[in-house]
Amino acid sequence: MLSNPRLIPVQGTLNVVMNQNVSLSCHSDSGTPPVRYTLFKHNQKISTLNRPDLTASLFNLTINSASDMGEYKCKAENNISGGGKYSNSLNFTLKEPISKPMLSSPTSQAKEGQNVTLSCLSENGSLPITYTFFKGRQSISPPVKMQKREAAVIFLFMNSSSDFGTYKCRAENSFRNNTKYSNSFNFTLAEERSHSQPLIISLGLILLLFIIGFALAIPFLIIPSYKAKKFKSTRSSTGFTSTTNAEEPEDYVIYTEIEPVKPEEEYVNFSVIRREDEKAEKAACATVYSKVFIRH
């Protein structure tokens, strides 16, 4: 009676890489030869070999795509057994070399006493992937094995200035001689912002607004005062006094001149000068003399 055959990988492992050549051995330990061996992939026949004795049959394959991963079975049959006997199933696992991992963190600046996180991820490569974190050349975490395509994350406590510096991570899988290191990531000490800064800025803005307001007010404060002093000075030097009508323009002024009183006279000369707008037509100013009697 023909025994159930055994299907085994000749290379000793089911881990393969793309475009790799593999061999499968199908063998029945007992039975009456000749024996016909047939290899199936996903229940579809792909190859048949006839053996005149009970030696194993070798099926050579090339892994060209993900569809070549499995499931594989072989069938052994002779002229006596009806229907034949089937072997165990085999499934290949594609081993893809990992890509360079990316090391990242939500922040690159931290304060002493702050907790931070580091994430390391290889976007390509067969699982599982093992990640290890380093500060400089020293490992700072045990290996983290990820069975899913997810980043490995560690938490760091920035206890002192020695915790700031350059960090890296390493990624590796079962693919032989395929270890990759990440980019460098630097944590820097965040500058402490002084609590007095907002107050200083506010005082500076208030002072600036005061200076601008004072500069704008200068024309309204100094010029009228200057005009008043100039007018007073002119009036004092000429000996004239003036009277103006509140309802008349500024340039309509009547000046009065009083001559000194002579001892022998009981009157003084009194003259009235009327000054009109300088822009008007030039005309002689009218002078009116009057006698004013002074009684002792």
C-alpha atoms as a PDB file:
ATOM      1  CA  MET A   1       0.000   0.000   0.000  1.00  0.00           C
ATOM      2  CA  LEU A   2       1.371   3.480  -0.957  1.00  0.00           C
ATOM      3  CA  SER A   3       2.028   5.757   1.993  1.00  0.00           C
ATOM      4  CA  ASN A   4       1.217   9.437   2.123  1.00  0.00           C
ATOM      5  CA  PRO A   5       4.095  11.426   0.646  1.00  0.00           C
ATOM      6  CA  ARG A   6       6.004  14.156   2.479  1.00  0.00           C
ATOM      7  CA  LEU A   7       6.643  17.547   0.851  1.00  0.00           C
ATOM      8  CA  ILE A   8       9.682  19.390   2.209  1.00  0.00           C
ATOM      9  CA  PRO A   9      11.835  22.356   1.008  1.00  0.00           C
ATOM     10  CA  VAL A  10      15.279  21.190  -0.066  1.00  0.00           C
ATOM     11  CA  GLN A  11      16.885  24.475   1.076  1.00  0.00           C
ATOM     12  CA  GLY A  12      15.574  23.848   4.602  1.00  0.00           C
ATOM     13  CA  THR A  13      13.521  27.054   4.923  1.00  0.00           C
ATOM     14  CA  LEU A  14      10.296  28.464   3.553  1.00  0.00           C
ATOM     15  CA  ASN A  15      11.607  32.027   3.687  1.00  0.00           C
ATOM     16  CA  VAL A  16      12.317  33.246   0.184  1.00  0.00           C
ATOM     17  CA  VAL A  17      13.035  36.472  -1.660  1.00  0.00           C
ATOM     18  CA  MET A  18      11.762  37.655  -4.988  1.00  0.00           C
ATOM     19  CA  ASN A  19      13.225  35.857  -8.043  1.00  0.00           C
ATOM     20  CA  GLN A  20      14.683  33.122  -5.865  1.00  0.00           C
ATOM     21  CA  ASN A  21      14.949  29.515  -7.147  1.00  0.00           C
ATOM     22  CA  VAL A  22      13.638  26.857  -4.738  1.00  0.00           C
ATOM     23  CA  SER A  23      13.275  23.063  -4.783  1.00  0.00           C
ATOM     24  CA  LEU A  24      10.552  20.906  -3.226  1.00  0.00           C
ATOM     25  CA  SER A  25      11.016  17.213  -2.511  1.00  0.00           C
ATOM     26  CA  CYS A  26       8.047  14.819  -2.636  1.00  0.00           C
ATOM     27  CA  HIS A  27       8.590  11.263  -1.353  1.00  0.00           C
ATOM     28  CA  SER A  28       6.535   8.219  -0.275  1.00  0.00           C
ATOM     29  CA  ASP A  29       8.356   5.945   2.144  1.00  0.00           C
ATOM     30  CA  SER A  30       6.460   2.786   1.234  1.00  0.00           C
ATOM     31  CA  GLY A  31       4.459   1.403  -1.629  1.00  0.00           C
ATOM     32  CA  THR A  32       4.856  -0.480  -4.885  1.00  0.00           C
ATOM     33  CA  PRO A  33       6.720   1.351  -7.631  1.00  0.00           C
ATOM     34  CA  PRO A  34       6.586   2.891 -10.110  1.00  0.00           C
ATOM     35  CA  VAL A  35       5.197   6.008  -8.457  1.00  0.00           C
ATOM     36  CA  ARG A  36       3.854   9.136 -10.129  1.00  0.00           C
ATOM     37  CA  TYR A  37       4.261  12.400  -8.237  1.00  0.00           C
ATOM     38  CA  THR A  38       2.238  15.506  -9.055  1.00  0.00           C
ATOM     39  CA  LEU A  39       2.801  19.004  -7.570  1.00  0.00           C
ATOM     40  CA  PHE A  40      -0.135  21.360  -6.979  1.00  0.00           C
ATOM     41  CA  LYS A  41      -0.297  25.038  -6.178  1.00  0.00           C
ATOM     42  CA  HIS A  42      -3.636  26.277  -4.870  1.00  0.00           C
ATOM     43  CA  ASN A  43      -5.122  22.950  -6.020  1.00  0.00           C
ATOM     44  CA  GLN A  44      -3.915  23.516  -9.566  1.00  0.00           C
ATOM     45  CA  LYS A  45      -1.520  21.002 -11.143  1.00  0.00           C
ATOM     46  CA  ILE A  46       1.761  22.553 -12.139  1.00  0.00           C
ATOM     47  CA  SER A  47       4.109  19.572 -12.729  1.00  0.00           C
ATOM     48  CA  THR A  48       4.234  15.695 -12.817  1.00  0.00           C
ATOM     49  CA  LEU A  49       7.236  13.367 -12.403  1.00  0.00           C
ATOM     50  CA  ASN A  50       7.434   9.551 -12.691  1.00  0.00           C
ATOM     51  CA  ARG A  51       9.815   7.534 -10.537  1.00  0.00           C
ATOM     52  CA  PRO A  52      10.613   3.810 -11.211  1.00  0.00           C
ATOM     53  CA  ASP A  53      11.407   3.309  -7.542  1.00  0.00           C
ATOM     54  CA  LEU A  54      10.653   4.926  -4.170  1.00  0.00           C
ATOM     55  CA  THR A  55      13.237   7.710  -4.469  1.00  0.00           C
ATOM     56  CA  ALA A  56      12.082  11.294  -3.998  1.00  0.00           C
ATOM     57  CA  SER A  57      11.014  13.571  -6.814  1.00  0.00           C
ATOM     58  CA  LEU A  58      12.383  17.127  -6.923  1.00  0.00           C
ATOM     59  CA  PHE A  59      10.273  20.024  -8.204  1.00  0.00           C
ATOM     60  CA  ASN A  60      12.173  23.184  -9.099  1.00  0.00           C
ATOM     61  CA  LEU A  61      10.390  26.548  -8.839  1.00  0.00           C
ATOM     62  CA  THR A  62      11.153  30.235  -9.225  1.00  0.00           C
ATOM     63  CA  ILE A  63       9.414  32.771  -6.954  1.00  0.00           C
ATOM     64  CA  ASN A  64       8.491  35.576  -9.348  1.00  0.00           C
ATOM     65  CA  SER A  65       5.562  37.182  -7.552  1.00  0.00           C
ATOM     66  CA  ALA A  66       3.479  37.105  -4.374  1.00  0.00           C
ATOM     67  CA  SER A  67       1.185  34.531  -5.980  1.00  0.00           C
ATOM     68  CA  ASP A  68       4.088  32.045  -5.953  1.00  0.00           C
ATOM     69  CA  MET A  69       4.089  31.956  -2.144  1.00  0.00           C
ATOM     70  CA  GLY A  70       1.756  28.885  -1.811  1.00  0.00           C
ATOM     71  CA  GLU A  71      -0.095  26.789  -0.867  1.00  0.00           C
ATOM     72  CA  TYR A  72       1.788  23.740  -2.267  1.00  0.00           C
ATOM     73  CA  LYS A  73       0.918  20.017  -2.055  1.00  0.00           C
ATOM     74  CA  CYS A  74       2.070  16.885  -3.832  1.00  0.00           C
ATOM     75  CA  LYS A  75       0.201  13.717  -4.723  1.00  0.00           C
ATOM     76  CA  ALA A  76       1.681  10.181  -4.995  1.00  0.00           C
ATOM     77  CA  GLU A  77      -0.051   7.377  -6.884  1.00  0.00           C
ATOM     78  CA  ASN A  78       0.816   3.983  -8.402  1.00  0.00           C
ATOM     79  CA  ASN A  79      -1.011   1.326 -10.354  1.00  0.00           C
ATOM     80  CA  ILE A  80      -2.446  -0.300  -7.233  1.00  0.00           C
ATOM     81  CA  SER A  81      -3.740   2.637  -5.135  1.00  0.00           C
ATOM     82  CA  GLY A  82      -6.947   4.187  -6.239  1.00  0.00           C
ATOM     83  CA  GLY A  83      -7.087   7.989  -6.199  1.00  0.00           C
ATOM     84  CA  GLY A  84      -3.562   8.435  -4.814  1.00  0.00           C
ATOM     85  CA  LYS A  85      -2.333   9.945  -1.577  1.00  0.00           C
ATOM     86  CA  TYR A  86      -1.741  13.658  -0.768  1.00  0.00           C
ATOM     87  CA  SER A  87       1.091  15.249   1.201  1.00  0.00           C
ATOM     88  CA  ASN A  88       1.200  17.969   3.777  1.00  0.00           C
ATOM     89  CA  SER A  89       0.833  21.644   2.685  1.00  0.00           C
ATOM     90  CA  LEU A  90       3.670  24.147   2.374  1.00  0.00           C
ATOM     91  CA  ASN A  91       3.545  27.937   2.192  1.00  0.00           C
ATOM     92  CA  PHE A  92       6.485  30.113   1.312  1.00  0.00           C
ATOM     93  CA  THR A  93       7.044  33.418   3.094  1.00  0.00           C
ATOM     94  CA  LEU A  94       8.439  36.244   1.039  1.00  0.00           C
ATOM     95  CA  LYS A  95      11.344  37.937   2.737  1.00  0.00           C
ATOM     96  CA  GLU A  96      11.660  41.515   1.571  1.00  0.00           C
ATOM     97  CA  PRO A  97      14.685  43.567   2.582  1.00  0.00           C
ATOM     98  CA  ILE A  98      13.793  46.411   4.871  1.00  0.00           C
ATOM     99  CA  SER A  99      14.042  50.022   3.817  1.00  0.00           C
ATOM    100  CA  LYS A 100      15.903  52.687   5.759  1.00  0.00           C
ATOM    101  CA  PRO A 101      13.812  53.478   8.837  1.00  0.00           C
ATOM    102  CA  MET A 102      12.593  56.984   9.604  1.00  0.00           C
ATOM    103  CA  LEU A 103      13.113  58.362  13.104  1.00  0.00           C
ATOM    104  CA  SER A 104      10.764  61.173  14.145  1.00  0.00           C
ATOM    105  CA  SER A 105       9.221  62.993  17.087  1.00  0.00           C
ATOM    106  CA  PRO A 106       6.384  65.530  17.469  1.00  0.00           C
ATOM    107  CA  THR A 107       8.923  68.073  18.730  1.00  0.00           C
ATOM    108  CA  SER A 108      12.640  68.691  18.413  1.00  0.00           C
ATOM    109  CA  GLN A 109      12.842  71.090  21.384  1.00  0.00           C
ATOM    110  CA  ALA A 110      12.228  70.160  24.987  1.00  0.00           C
ATOM    111  CA  LYS A 111      12.765  71.465  28.487  1.00  0.00           C
ATOM    112  CA  GLU A 112      14.468  69.698  31.343  1.00  0.00           C
ATOM    113  CA  GLY A 113      11.903  67.530  33.119  1.00  0.00           C
ATOM    114  CA  GLN A 114       9.781  67.077  29.975  1.00  0.00           C
ATOM    115  CA  ASN A 115       8.602  63.755  28.500  1.00  0.00           C
ATOM    116  CA  VAL A 116       9.156  63.208  24.766  1.00  0.00           C
ATOM    117  CA  THR A 117       8.547  60.356  22.309  1.00  0.00           C
ATOM    118  CA  LEU A 118      10.561  58.838  19.474  1.00  0.00           C
ATOM    119  CA  SER A 119       9.034  56.793  16.627  1.00  0.00           C
ATOM    120  CA  CYS A 120      10.917  54.487  14.250  1.00  0.00           C
ATOM    121  CA  LEU A 121       9.343  52.930  11.139  1.00  0.00           C
ATOM    122  CA  SER A 122      10.508  51.043   8.023  1.00  0.00           C
ATOM    123  CA  GLU A 123       7.845  51.366   5.342  1.00  0.00           C
ATOM    124  CA  ASN A 124       9.129  48.347   3.391  1.00  0.00           C
ATOM    125  CA  GLY A 125      10.400  44.974   4.464  1.00  0.00           C
ATOM    126  CA  SER A 126       8.931  41.633   5.454  1.00  0.00           C
ATOM    127  CA  LEU A 127       7.520  41.287   8.953  1.00  0.00           C
ATOM    128  CA  PRO A 128       8.286  41.001  11.742  1.00  0.00           C
ATOM    129  CA  ILE A 129      10.724  43.905  12.052  1.00  0.00           C
ATOM    130  CA  THR A 130      12.855  44.465  15.133  1.00  0.00           C
ATOM    131  CA  TYR A 131      13.717  48.038  16.135  1.00  0.00           C
ATOM    132  CA  THR A 132      16.433  49.238  18.512  1.00  0.00           C
ATOM    133  CA  PHE A 133      16.958  52.847  19.676  1.00  0.00           C
ATOM    134  CA  PHE A 134      20.337  54.493  20.272  1.00  0.00           C
ATOM    135  CA  LYS A 135      21.697  57.711  21.741  1.00  0.00           C
ATOM    136  CA  GLY A 136      25.044  58.193  20.120  1.00  0.00           C
ATOM    137  CA  ARG A 137      26.459  54.671  19.953  1.00  0.00           C
ATOM    138  CA  GLN A 138      24.750  53.422  23.096  1.00  0.00           C
ATOM    139  CA  SER A 139      21.539  51.399  23.033  1.00  0.00           C
ATOM    140  CA  ILE A 140      18.837  52.993  25.178  1.00  0.00           C
ATOM    141  CA  SER A 141      16.056  50.403  24.774  1.00  0.00           C
ATOM    142  CA  PRO A 142      15.618  46.637  24.467  1.00  0.00           C
ATOM    143  CA  PRO A 143      14.757  45.402  20.939  1.00  0.00           C
ATOM    144  CA  VAL A 144      11.133  46.064  20.003  1.00  0.00           C
ATOM    145  CA  LYS A 145       9.641  43.448  17.616  1.00  0.00           C
ATOM    146  CA  MET A 146       6.704  44.667  15.529  1.00  0.00           C
ATOM    147  CA  GLN A 147       4.430  42.069  13.946  1.00  0.00           C
ATOM    148  CA  LYS A 148       2.459  44.740  12.079  1.00  0.00           C
ATOM    149  CA  ARG A 149       3.463  47.591   9.808  1.00  0.00           C
ATOM    150  CA  GLU A 150       3.503  50.043  12.688  1.00  0.00           C
ATOM    151  CA  ALA A 151       6.133  52.320  14.182  1.00  0.00           C
ATOM    152  CA  ALA A 152       8.004  51.327  17.301  1.00  0.00           C
ATOM    153  CA  VAL A 153       7.640  54.060  19.935  1.00  0.00           C
ATOM    154  CA  ILE A 154       9.667  54.780  23.060  1.00  0.00           C
ATOM    155  CA  PHE A 155       9.181  57.425  25.751  1.00  0.00           C
ATOM    156  CA  LEU A 156      12.070  59.505  27.048  1.00  0.00           C
ATOM    157  CA  PHE A 157      12.337  61.693  30.138  1.00  0.00           C
ATOM    158  CA  MET A 158      14.653  64.650  29.589  1.00  0.00           C
ATOM    159  CA  ASN A 159      16.065  64.671  33.078  1.00  0.00           C
ATOM    160  CA  SER A 160      19.241  66.666  32.443  1.00  0.00           C
ATOM    161  CA  SER A 161      21.291  68.308  29.718  1.00  0.00           C
ATOM    162  CA  SER A 162      22.984  64.957  29.016  1.00  0.00           C
ATOM    163  CA  ASP A 163      19.666  63.624  27.688  1.00  0.00           C
ATOM    164  CA  PHE A 164      19.753  66.124  24.830  1.00  0.00           C
ATOM    165  CA  GLY A 165      21.683  65.213  21.710  1.00  0.00           C
ATOM    166  CA  THR A 166      21.600  62.877  18.713  1.00  0.00           C
ATOM    167  CA  TYR A 167      19.388  59.793  18.532  1.00  0.00           C
ATOM    168  CA  LYS A 168      19.107  56.977  15.944  1.00  0.00           C
ATOM    169  CA  CYS A 169      17.238  53.721  15.494  1.00  0.00           C
ATOM    170  CA  ARG A 170      18.065  50.414  13.796  1.00  0.00           C
ATOM    171  CA  ALA A 171      15.694  48.110  11.905  1.00  0.00           C
ATOM    172  CA  GLU A 172      16.257  44.469  10.981  1.00  0.00           C
ATOM    173  CA  ASN A 173      14.228  41.431   9.938  1.00  0.00           C
ATOM    174  CA  SER A 174      14.901  37.808   9.037  1.00  0.00           C
ATOM    175  CA  PHE A 175      16.346  38.818   5.705  1.00  0.00           C
ATOM    176  CA  ARG A 176      19.994  37.864   5.955  1.00  0.00           C
ATOM    177  CA  ASN A 177      22.599  40.630   6.266  1.00  0.00           C
ATOM    178  CA  ASN A 178      20.013  43.352   6.011  1.00  0.00           C
ATOM    179  CA  THR A 179      20.297  45.852   8.866  1.00  0.00           C
ATOM    180  CA  LYS A 180      19.462  49.515   8.310  1.00  0.00           C
ATOM    181  CA  TYR A 181      20.007  52.603  10.451  1.00  0.00           C
ATOM    182  CA  SER A 182      17.770  55.653  10.481  1.00  0.00           C
ATOM    183  CA  ASN A 183      18.472  59.326  10.071  1.00  0.00           C
ATOM    184  CA  SER A 184      19.793  61.251  13.077  1.00  0.00           C
ATOM    185  CA  PHE A 185      17.341  63.157  15.254  1.00  0.00           C
ATOM    186  CA  ASN A 186      18.460  65.915  17.638  1.00  0.00           C
ATOM    187  CA  PHE A 187      16.689  67.111  20.743  1.00  0.00           C
ATOM    188  CA  THR A 188      17.688  70.662  21.702  1.00  0.00           C
ATOM    189  CA  LEU A 189      17.028  72.539  24.916  1.00  0.00           C
ATOM    190  CA  ALA A 190      14.131  74.971  24.553  1.00  0.00           C
ATOM    191  CA  GLU A 191      14.897  78.525  25.677  1.00  0.00           C
ATOM    192  CA  GLU A 192      13.100  79.653  28.817  1.00  0.00           C
ATOM    193  CA  ARG A 193      10.978  82.694  28.023  1.00  0.00           C
ATOM    194  CA  SER A 194      11.116  85.352  30.737  1.00  0.00           C
ATOM    195  CA  HIS A 195       7.794  86.270  32.391  1.00  0.00           C
ATOM    196  CA  SER A 196       8.803  89.957  32.303  1.00  0.00           C
ATOM    197  CA  GLN A 197       9.036  90.043  28.507  1.00  0.00           C
ATOM    198  CA  PRO A 198       5.299  90.681  27.907  1.00  0.00           C
ATOM    199  CA  LEU A 199       5.382  93.533  30.485  1.00  0.00           C
ATOM    200  CA  ILE A 200       8.459  95.104  28.879  1.00  0.00           C
ATOM    201  CA  ILE A 201       6.858  94.899  25.449  1.00  0.00           C
ATOM    202  CA  SER A 202       3.648  96.499  26.752  1.00  0.00           C
ATOM    203  CA  LEU A 203       5.530  99.366  28.425  1.00  0.00           C
ATOM    204  CA  GLY A 204       7.547  99.906  25.272  1.00  0.00           C
ATOM    205  CA  LEU A 205       4.381 100.172  23.178  1.00  0.00           C
ATOM    206  CA  ILE A 206       2.821 102.632  25.642  1.00  0.00           C
ATOM    207  CA  LEU A 207       5.965 104.788  25.577  1.00  0.00           C
ATOM    208  CA  LEU A 208       6.032 104.727  21.784  1.00  0.00           C
ATOM    209  CA  LEU A 209       2.380 105.815  21.595  1.00  0.00           C
ATOM    210  CA  PHE A 210       3.070 108.637  24.073  1.00  0.00           C
ATOM    211  CA  ILE A 211       6.008 109.917  21.987  1.00  0.00           C
ATOM    212  CA  ILE A 212       3.940 109.817  18.791  1.00  0.00           C
ATOM    213  CA  GLY A 213       1.057 111.659  20.482  1.00  0.00           C
ATOM    214  CA  PHE A 214       3.394 114.310  21.877  1.00  0.00           C
ATOM    215  CA  ALA A 215       5.004 114.821  18.468  1.00  0.00           C
ATOM    216  CA  LEU A 216       1.603 115.307  16.878  1.00  0.00           C
ATOM    217  CA  ALA A 217       0.575 117.821  19.560  1.00  0.00           C
ATOM    218  CA  ILE A 218       3.663 120.057  19.188  1.00  0.00           C
ATOM    219  CA  PRO A 219       2.209 122.196  16.335  1.00  0.00           C
ATOM    220  CA  PHE A 220      -0.934 122.904  18.372  1.00  0.00           C
ATOM    221  CA  LEU A 221       0.948 123.801  21.577  1.00  0.00           C
ATOM    222  CA  ILE A 222       4.024 125.731  20.435  1.00  0.00           C
ATOM    223  CA  ILE A 223       2.947 127.676  17.335  1.00  0.00           C
ATOM    224  CA  PRO A 224      -0.013 129.568  18.931  1.00  0.00           C
ATOM    225  CA  SER A 225       2.177 130.449  21.937  1.00  0.00           C
ATOM    226  CA  TYR A 226       4.919 131.672  19.610  1.00  0.00           C
ATOM    227  CA  LYS A 227       2.508 133.888  17.686  1.00  0.00           C
ATOM    228  CA  ALA A 228       1.149 135.392  20.892  1.00  0.00           C
ATOM    229  CA  LYS A 229       4.649 136.253  22.175  1.00  0.00           C
ATOM    230  CA  LYS A 230       5.640 137.782  18.839  1.00  0.00           C
ATOM    231  CA  PHE A 231       2.563 139.969  18.755  1.00  0.00           C
ATOM    232  CA  LYS A 232       3.108 141.145  22.327  1.00  0.00           C
ATOM    233  CA  SER A 233       6.737 141.985  21.596  1.00  0.00           C
ATOM    234  CA  THR A 234       5.822 144.073  18.541  1.00  0.00           C
ATOM    235  CA  ARG A 235       3.185 146.019  20.431  1.00  0.00           C
ATOM    236  CA  SER A 236       5.559 146.888  23.273  1.00  0.00           C
ATOM    237  CA  SER A 237       8.311 148.189  20.966  1.00  0.00           C
ATOM    238  CA  THR A 238       6.093 150.580  18.963  1.00  0.00           C
ATOM    239  CA  GLY A 239       4.240 152.174  21.853  1.00  0.00           C
ATOM    240  CA  PHE A 240       0.924 151.384  20.246  1.00  0.00           C
ATOM    241  CA  THR A 241      -2.049 149.890  21.881  1.00  0.00           C
ATOM    242  CA  SER A 242      -4.707 148.228  19.835  1.00  0.00           C
ATOM    243  CA  THR A 243      -8.343 147.482  20.076  1.00  0.00           C
ATOM    244  CA  THR A 244     -10.055 144.891  17.949  1.00  0.00           C
ATOM    245  CA  ASN A 245     -13.675 144.246  17.309  1.00  0.00           C
ATOM    246  CA  ALA A 246     -14.599 140.611  18.133  1.00  0.00           C
ATOM    247  CA  GLU A 247     -16.828 140.470  15.113  1.00  0.00           C
ATOM    248  CA  GLU A 248     -14.143 141.734  12.705  1.00  0.00           C
ATOM    249  CA  PRO A 249     -11.236 139.778  11.091  1.00  0.00           C
ATOM    250  CA  GLU A 250      -7.846 139.532  12.797  1.00  0.00           C
ATOM    251  CA  ASP A 251      -6.175 141.919  10.325  1.00  0.00           C
ATOM    252  CA  TYR A 252      -8.664 144.747  11.057  1.00  0.00           C
ATOM    253  CA  VAL A 253      -6.927 146.677  13.919  1.00  0.00           C
ATOM    254  CA  ILE A 254      -7.272 150.202  15.236  1.00  0.00           C
ATOM    255  CA  TYR A 255      -4.136 151.587  16.881  1.00  0.00           C
ATOM    256  CA  THR A 256      -4.212 154.569  19.301  1.00  0.00           C
ATOM    257  CA  GLU A 257      -1.216 156.736  20.088  1.00  0.00           C
ATOM    258  CA  ILE A 258      -1.158 158.999  23.106  1.00  0.00           C
ATOM    259  CA  GLU A 259       1.537 161.667  23.259  1.00  0.00           C
ATOM    260  CA  PRO A 260       2.971 162.741  26.612  1.00  0.00           C
ATOM    261  CA  VAL A 261       1.193 165.542  28.340  1.00  0.00           C
ATOM    262  CA  LYS A 262       3.013 168.881  28.444  1.00  0.00           C
ATOM    263  CA  PRO A 263       2.890 170.651  31.730  1.00  0.00           C
ATOM    264  CA  GLU A 264       1.545 173.886  30.251  1.00  0.00           C
ATOM    265  CA  GLU A 265      -1.221 172.245  28.290  1.00  0.00           C
ATOM    266  CA  GLU A 266      -4.416 170.754  29.489  1.00  0.00           C
ATOM    267  CA  TYR A 267      -4.763 168.396  26.562  1.00  0.00           C
ATOM    268  CA  VAL A 268      -2.933 165.701  24.772  1.00  0.00           C
ATOM    269  CA  ASN A 269      -2.742 164.722  21.147  1.00  0.00           C
ATOM    270  CA  PHE A 270      -4.779 161.657  20.383  1.00  0.00           C
ATOM    271  CA  SER A 271      -4.324 159.897  17.038  1.00  0.00           C
ATOM    272  CA  VAL A 272      -6.197 156.956  15.596  1.00  0.00           C
ATOM    273  CA  ILE A 273      -4.649 154.775  12.918  1.00  0.00           C
ATOM    274  CA  ARG A 274      -6.730 152.203  11.063  1.00  0.00           C
ATOM    275  CA  ARG A 275      -4.788 149.294   9.434  1.00  0.00           C
ATOM    276  CA  GLU A 276      -6.650 147.315   6.827  1.00  0.00           C
ATOM    277  CA  ASP A 277      -5.831 144.037   5.068  1.00  0.00           C
ATOM    278  CA  GLU A 278      -2.370 144.165   3.534  1.00  0.00           C
ATOM    279  CA  LYS A 279      -3.635 142.318   0.534  1.00  0.00           C
ATOM    280  CA  ALA A 280      -6.162 145.018  -0.218  1.00  0.00           C
ATOM    281  CA  GLU A 281      -5.249 147.955  -2.404  1.00  0.00           C
ATOM    282  CA  LYS A 282      -2.501 150.106  -0.949  1.00  0.00           C
ATOM    283  CA  ALA A 283      -3.966 153.248   0.552  1.00  0.00           C
ATOM    284  CA  ALA A 284      -2.718 155.861   2.995  1.00  0.00           C
ATOM    285  CA  CYS A 285      -3.661 155.199   6.567  1.00  0.00           C
ATOM    286  CA  ALA A 286      -5.981 157.880   7.928  1.00  0.00           C
ATOM    287  CA  THR A 287      -4.814 159.769  11.012  1.00  0.00           C
ATOM    288  CA  VAL A 288      -7.305 161.687  13.183  1.00  0.00           C
ATOM    289  CA  TYR A 289      -6.059 164.116  15.854  1.00  0.00           C
ATOM    290  CA  SER A 290      -8.209 165.029  18.779  1.00  0.00           C
ATOM    291  CA  LYS A 291      -7.704 167.163  21.783  1.00  0.00           C
ATOM    292  CA  VAL A 292      -8.384 165.629  25.121  1.00  0.00           C
ATOM    293  CA  PHE A 293      -8.674 168.019  27.986  1.00  0.00           C
ATOM    294  CA  ILE A 294      -7.279 166.978  31.263  1.00  0.00           C
ATOM    295  CA  ARG A 295      -8.546 168.705  34.326  1.00  0.00           C
ATOM    296  CA  HIS A 296      -6.533 168.734  37.467  1.00  0.00           C
END
